[in-house]
Protein backbone atom coordinates (compact mmCIF):
# COMPACT_ATOMS: atom_id res chain seq x y z
CA MET A 1 -40.32 50.15 -2.36
CA SER A 2 -42.61 47.14 -2.85
CA ALA A 3 -41.50 43.65 -1.86
CA SER A 4 -41.52 42.62 -5.52
CA GLN A 5 -39.13 45.47 -6.38
CA LYS A 6 -37.00 44.72 -3.33
CA TYR A 7 -36.68 41.08 -4.37
CA GLU A 8 -36.77 41.54 -8.16
CA ILE A 9 -39.32 38.79 -8.63
CA ASP A 10 -41.28 38.22 -11.81
CA GLU A 11 -44.66 39.89 -11.24
CA SER A 12 -46.35 37.29 -13.46
CA LEU A 13 -45.40 34.70 -10.80
CA PRO A 14 -44.48 31.89 -13.20
CA TYR A 15 -42.75 29.88 -10.46
CA LYS A 16 -43.45 26.15 -10.38
CA ALA A 17 -40.74 24.70 -8.11
CA ILE A 18 -38.01 25.51 -5.58
CA ALA A 19 -34.62 23.77 -5.47
CA ILE A 20 -32.50 24.11 -2.32
CA GLY A 21 -28.91 22.91 -1.94
CA GLY A 22 -26.68 22.92 1.12
CA SER A 23 -23.89 21.15 2.94
CA ALA A 24 -21.86 21.88 6.06
CA GLY A 25 -23.63 24.46 8.18
CA SER A 26 -26.91 24.22 6.31
CA PHE A 27 -28.90 21.84 8.52
CA GLN A 28 -30.02 24.48 11.01
CA VAL A 29 -30.68 26.90 8.17
CA VAL A 30 -32.90 24.41 6.38
CA THR A 31 -34.83 23.56 9.55
CA LYS A 32 -35.43 27.26 10.18
CA ILE A 33 -36.78 27.72 6.65
CA LEU A 34 -38.98 24.61 6.79
CA SER A 35 -40.37 25.48 10.23
CA SER A 36 -41.42 28.90 8.91
CA LEU A 37 -43.51 27.73 5.96
CA PRO A 38 -47.30 27.46 6.15
CA THR A 39 -48.74 23.96 5.95
CA ASP A 40 -50.46 24.89 2.69
CA PHE A 41 -47.32 26.23 1.00
CA GLU A 42 -48.00 26.14 -2.74
CA LEU A 43 -44.78 25.21 -4.52
CA PRO A 44 -42.98 21.87 -4.41
CA ILE A 45 -39.55 22.04 -2.78
CA MET A 46 -36.74 19.69 -3.73
CA MET A 47 -33.68 19.60 -1.50
CA CYS A 48 -30.21 18.19 -1.97
CA LEU A 49 -28.23 18.25 1.28
CA HIS A 50 -24.88 16.52 1.59
CA ARG A 51 -25.21 13.59 3.96
CA LEU A 52 -23.44 10.37 4.87
CA ARG A 53 -23.82 8.10 1.85
CA HIS A 54 -24.32 4.84 3.71
CA VAL A 55 -26.57 6.03 6.54
CA ARG A 56 -30.13 5.58 5.31
CA ASN A 57 -32.14 6.52 8.39
CA GLY A 58 -32.32 9.48 10.74
CA PHE A 59 -31.59 12.46 8.51
CA THR A 60 -35.06 12.88 7.01
CA GLU A 61 -36.65 12.10 10.36
CA ALA A 62 -34.59 14.84 12.03
CA LEU A 63 -35.72 17.39 9.43
CA ASN A 64 -39.33 16.31 9.82
CA ILE A 65 -39.26 17.15 13.53
CA LYS A 66 -39.00 20.84 12.61
CA SER A 67 -40.77 21.00 9.26
CA THR A 68 -44.40 22.12 9.03
CA ILE A 69 -44.77 19.95 5.89
CA ASN A 70 -43.87 16.27 5.71
CA ILE A 71 -40.57 15.61 3.94
CA GLU A 72 -40.33 12.62 1.62
CA GLU A 73 -37.45 10.87 -0.12
CA PRO A 74 -38.78 10.39 -3.67
CA THR A 75 -38.64 7.16 -5.63
CA ASP A 76 -37.47 6.87 -9.22
CA LYS A 77 -40.04 8.24 -11.72
CA GLU A 78 -42.16 9.71 -8.91
CA PRO A 79 -44.29 12.69 -10.08
CA ILE A 80 -43.46 16.08 -8.56
CA LYS A 81 -46.53 17.49 -6.82
CA LYS A 82 -47.22 20.99 -5.53
CA GLY A 83 -47.09 21.53 -1.81
CA LYS A 84 -44.67 18.63 -1.25
CA ILE A 85 -41.11 18.68 0.09
CA TYR A 86 -38.65 16.16 -1.34
CA LEU A 87 -35.17 15.27 -0.07
CA ALA A 88 -32.53 13.54 -2.19
CA PRO A 89 -32.01 10.04 -0.76
CA ALA A 90 -28.64 9.02 0.63
CA ASN A 91 -26.16 7.87 -2.04
CA TYR A 92 -28.43 8.76 -5.00
CA HIS A 93 -28.29 11.73 -7.34
CA LEU A 94 -31.70 13.36 -7.57
CA CYS A 95 -32.58 14.70 -11.03
CA VAL A 96 -35.67 16.26 -12.60
CA GLU A 97 -36.91 14.73 -15.84
CA LEU A 98 -39.22 15.93 -18.58
CA GLY A 99 -42.80 15.23 -17.58
CA ASN A 100 -42.26 16.70 -14.12
CA THR A 101 -40.91 13.53 -12.51
CA PHE A 102 -37.83 12.63 -10.50
CA ALA A 103 -35.05 10.29 -11.55
CA LEU A 104 -32.62 8.64 -9.14
CA SER A 105 -29.11 7.82 -10.29
CA THR A 106 -26.08 6.02 -8.88
CA GLU A 107 -23.68 7.60 -11.38
CA GLU A 108 -20.20 8.44 -10.09
CA LEU A 109 -19.62 11.07 -7.43
CA PHE A 110 -19.61 14.68 -8.57
CA ASN A 111 -17.70 17.21 -6.47
CA ASN A 112 -17.02 14.21 -4.23
CA SER A 113 -20.76 14.06 -3.58
CA ARG A 114 -23.71 11.77 -4.23
CA PRO A 115 -26.28 13.26 -4.15
CA ALA A 116 -24.78 16.24 -5.96
CA ILE A 117 -26.44 19.64 -5.72
CA ASP A 118 -25.22 20.54 -9.22
CA TYR A 119 -27.13 17.63 -10.79
CA MET A 120 -30.38 18.50 -9.05
CA ILE A 121 -30.31 22.23 -9.82
CA GLN A 122 -29.02 21.79 -13.39
CA THR A 123 -31.77 19.33 -14.29
CA ALA A 124 -34.41 21.40 -12.52
CA ALA A 125 -33.25 24.49 -14.42
CA HIS A 126 -33.36 22.59 -17.71
CA ASN A 127 -36.98 21.62 -17.10
CA TYR A 128 -38.40 24.62 -15.25
CA ARG A 129 -36.22 27.38 -16.73
CA HIS A 130 -37.56 30.79 -15.56
CA LYS A 131 -40.18 29.00 -13.46
CA LEU A 132 -37.55 27.76 -10.98
CA ILE A 133 -36.39 29.34 -7.72
CA ALA A 134 -32.87 28.05 -6.95
CA ILE A 135 -31.37 28.57 -3.49
CA LEU A 136 -27.84 27.69 -2.35
CA LEU A 137 -26.93 27.67 1.35
CA SER A 138 -23.87 27.20 3.54
CA GLY A 139 -21.42 24.51 2.46
CA ALA A 140 -17.76 23.50 2.37
CA ASN A 141 -17.16 22.72 -1.32
CA LYS A 142 -18.08 24.11 -4.73
CA ASP A 143 -21.02 21.77 -5.37
CA GLY A 144 -24.00 23.85 -6.47
CA ALA A 145 -22.08 26.64 -8.18
CA LEU A 146 -22.47 25.15 -11.67
CA GLY A 147 -26.11 24.43 -10.94
CA MET A 148 -26.71 28.04 -9.97
CA LYS A 149 -24.94 29.17 -13.15
CA ALA A 150 -27.24 26.95 -15.22
CA ALA A 151 -30.29 28.26 -13.35
CA SER A 152 -29.23 31.86 -13.94
CA GLU A 153 -28.67 31.22 -17.64
CA LYS A 154 -32.17 29.72 -17.90
CA GLY A 155 -33.73 32.79 -16.28
CA ALA A 156 -34.50 31.23 -12.89
CA LEU A 157 -34.75 33.31 -9.73
CA THR A 158 -31.43 32.65 -7.97
CA VAL A 159 -30.68 33.17 -4.28
CA VAL A 160 -27.62 32.44 -2.14
CA GLN A 161 -27.29 32.67 1.59
CA ASP A 162 -25.22 35.70 2.59
CA PRO A 163 -21.64 34.35 2.91
CA ALA A 164 -21.11 36.58 5.95
CA GLU A 165 -23.84 34.61 7.74
CA CYS A 166 -22.75 31.12 6.64
CA LEU A 167 -20.97 28.75 8.97
CA ILE A 168 -18.88 27.81 5.90
CA ASP A 169 -19.20 30.16 2.92
CA THR A 170 -17.49 28.16 0.15
CA MET A 171 -20.71 27.17 -1.66
CA PRO A 172 -22.40 30.56 -1.98
CA THR A 173 -19.07 32.31 -2.60
CA SER A 174 -18.25 29.86 -5.41
CA ALA A 175 -21.60 30.56 -7.08
CA LEU A 176 -21.16 34.32 -6.75
CA LYS A 177 -17.75 34.06 -8.44
CA ILE A 178 -19.01 32.39 -11.63
CA THR A 179 -22.48 33.78 -12.27
CA LYS A 180 -24.94 36.58 -11.62
CA ILE A 181 -27.11 35.81 -8.59
CA ASN A 182 -30.35 37.74 -8.15
CA HIS A 183 -30.23 37.90 -4.38
CA THR A 184 -27.69 37.42 -1.61
CA LEU A 185 -29.83 37.18 1.53
CA SER A 186 -29.80 36.31 5.20
CA VAL A 187 -31.84 33.26 6.21
CA ASP A 188 -34.59 35.51 7.57
CA LYS A 189 -34.79 37.33 4.23
CA ILE A 190 -34.88 34.03 2.32
CA ILE A 191 -37.88 33.04 4.44
CA ASP A 192 -39.47 36.44 3.84
CA LEU A 193 -39.02 36.04 0.09
CA LEU A 194 -40.57 32.55 0.02
CA LEU A 195 -43.54 33.64 2.14
CA TYR A 196 -44.09 36.70 -0.04
CA ILE A 197 -44.12 34.63 -3.23
CA ASP A 198 -46.43 32.07 -1.63
CA GLN A 199 -48.89 34.78 -0.57
CA LYS A 200 -48.83 36.34 -4.04
CA ILE A 201 -49.49 32.98 -5.71
CA LYS A 202 -52.46 32.34 -3.40
CA LYS A 203 -53.95 35.76 -4.11
CA LYS A 204 -53.59 35.17 -7.83
CA LYS A 205 -55.77 32.04 -7.73
């Protein structure tokens, strides 16, 4: 069985962006993924991780210690560029707008969260449709489930961390309950999938 069959990816490799959401139990998972990527990873990655709303410093810096690619907190209207990693700033919803730019919002909390994973993945799915890879990791509430449903309905490649591996499985389990998810994978398999797609994109150039 080829990797593409194993992972049910689109052989035409339309993918233009990756959206990753996580909460409780996801920090170590995210650092493992980011430390495994090549420095010339092709696709932009946008991340929404639940964090303390009024603590501005330290979180991004801690992720950067492990990441092979510099992580940035985007500004409002900032263009999304390939090979970059973006993290939703504390106390702002991170959304994707038409024209391939970010928007920051201070709208009310959603799922008791700001930034909300649902907002980021829903807006990314609206803009990228089948060109999006949406990934939901360990977390303690249902934030992200509606986003994954929207991504699935738009034809995106959807992945959740295996609930059996999660420190807290509420997030991936909630997504699995309301929509079809393409892959339920361990962290190591999520990394394998991302590296495989990256290699295929590079060979296609």
